[in-house]
Amino acid sequence: QVQLVESGGGLVQAGGSLRLSCAASGRTFSSYGMGWFRQAPGKEREFVSAITGSAGFRYYADSVKGRFTLSRDNAKNMVYLYMDNLKPEDTAVYYCAASSDRLVRNYYNAIQYDYWGQGTQVTVSS
């Protein structure tokens, strides 16, 4: 069982930056692939980024590539999503997710993930 708690959301102006954090419980954190998804009002949940258990591979949605950076600290059971040059269309609730597949082979698919956090709101004003 893995419990995930996100933090770091808030209100920021377009062009600004935020860092989202995801704290995970459990003693085998490195065996989990981790991902971030987001859901805007009236829209489906969409993939943002994912990282393998060893942090050897990172994946990004085209919409955030070059602006967002995902990292993890397995010693601290933490995942970080650095978001730069934020745009109003980035406004959404952001969810951290854990997959028992440490390679997250279907990283873009929410079904891949076994555990989810409660979400943190990110609002980007124009």
Foldseek 3Di string as FASTA:
>chain_A
DKAKAKDWADEEAAQAKIKMKIAMDDDPLLLKKKFKWWDDPPGDIWGAKIAASVRPDIDGDPVQPPFWDWDADNVRRMIMIIGGRDDQVVWTWMKMFIASRRVCPVVGDPVRTDDIYPTDTHGYHD
